[in-house]
Amino acid sequence: MEVGMKSSEKIAYNQFYELIESKKSYLFYLDEKYVSCVKKSEISNLEEFSAFLKKAFGCKYRKI
């Protein structure tokens, strides 16, 4: 598994498998095996970002 891969390809919200919000991060699942993690500590306006994700991902959004 490669860590820290970068890509310039764009993916539509509806192409994601799932988005999971945990206490410290957001986990963007591309499918059941591939996930990208964004730490909440790296987000400047967390409340606004969270509201945007809930709206954009709809039923694919889950909080644990």
Protein backbone atom coordinates (compact mmCIF):
# COMPACT_ATOMS: atom_id res chain seq x y z
CA MET A 1 0.00 0.00 0.00
CA GLU A 2 1.31 3.42 -0.92
CA VAL A 3 0.94 6.22 1.59
CA GLY A 4 0.80 9.89 0.65
CA MET A 5 -0.14 9.42 -2.98
CA LYS A 6 -1.24 12.52 -4.82
CA SER A 7 -3.63 12.81 -7.73
CA SER A 8 -4.94 15.65 -9.81
CA GLU A 9 -7.97 13.71 -11.03
CA LYS A 10 -11.36 15.08 -9.99
CA ILE A 11 -14.12 12.85 -8.65
CA ALA A 12 -17.80 13.80 -8.39
CA TYR A 13 -19.39 13.44 -4.94
CA ASN A 14 -21.78 10.78 -6.20
CA GLN A 15 -18.81 8.63 -7.30
CA PHE A 16 -17.65 8.14 -3.71
CA TYR A 17 -18.64 4.94 -1.94
CA GLU A 18 -19.02 6.56 1.49
CA LEU A 19 -17.85 9.42 3.74
CA ILE A 20 -17.29 8.70 7.42
CA GLU A 21 -16.73 11.42 10.00
CA SER A 22 -14.84 10.33 13.10
CA LYS A 23 -13.77 12.30 16.14
CA LYS A 24 -10.49 13.42 14.54
CA SER A 25 -10.89 12.98 10.78
CA TYR A 26 -12.97 12.52 7.65
CA LEU A 27 -12.57 9.27 5.73
CA PHE A 28 -13.44 9.52 2.03
CA TYR A 29 -14.02 6.02 0.64
CA LEU A 30 -13.59 5.66 -3.11
CA ASP A 31 -14.72 2.05 -2.79
CA GLU A 32 -14.61 -0.63 -0.10
CA LYS A 33 -10.78 -0.80 -0.17
CA TYR A 34 -9.48 2.67 -1.02
CA VAL A 35 -9.82 5.54 1.42
CA SER A 36 -8.42 9.05 1.76
CA CYS A 37 -8.13 10.64 5.20
CA VAL A 38 -8.40 14.36 6.02
CA LYS A 39 -7.52 15.37 9.57
CA LYS A 40 -9.98 17.79 11.19
CA SER A 41 -7.04 19.67 12.70
CA GLU A 42 -6.04 20.73 9.16
CA ILE A 43 -9.41 22.37 8.38
CA SER A 44 -9.76 26.09 9.15
CA ASN A 45 -13.58 26.35 9.31
CA LEU A 46 -14.69 22.94 10.57
CA GLU A 47 -18.39 23.74 11.08
CA GLU A 48 -18.80 25.13 7.56
CA PHE A 49 -16.85 22.24 6.03
CA SER A 50 -18.92 19.66 7.93
CA ALA A 51 -22.21 21.24 6.83
CA PHE A 52 -21.01 21.29 3.22
CA LEU A 53 -20.03 17.59 3.35
CA LYS A 54 -23.36 16.55 4.89
CA LYS A 55 -25.22 18.31 2.09
CA ALA A 56 -22.91 17.14 -0.72
CA PHE A 57 -22.74 13.48 0.33
CA GLY A 58 -26.31 13.07 1.61
CA CYS A 59 -27.05 9.44 2.47
CA LYS A 60 -23.39 8.47 1.84
CA TYR A 61 -22.36 10.53 4.89
CA ARG A 62 -22.08 8.77 8.25
CA LYS A 63 -20.74 9.89 11.64
CA ILE A 64 -19.16 7.42 14.02
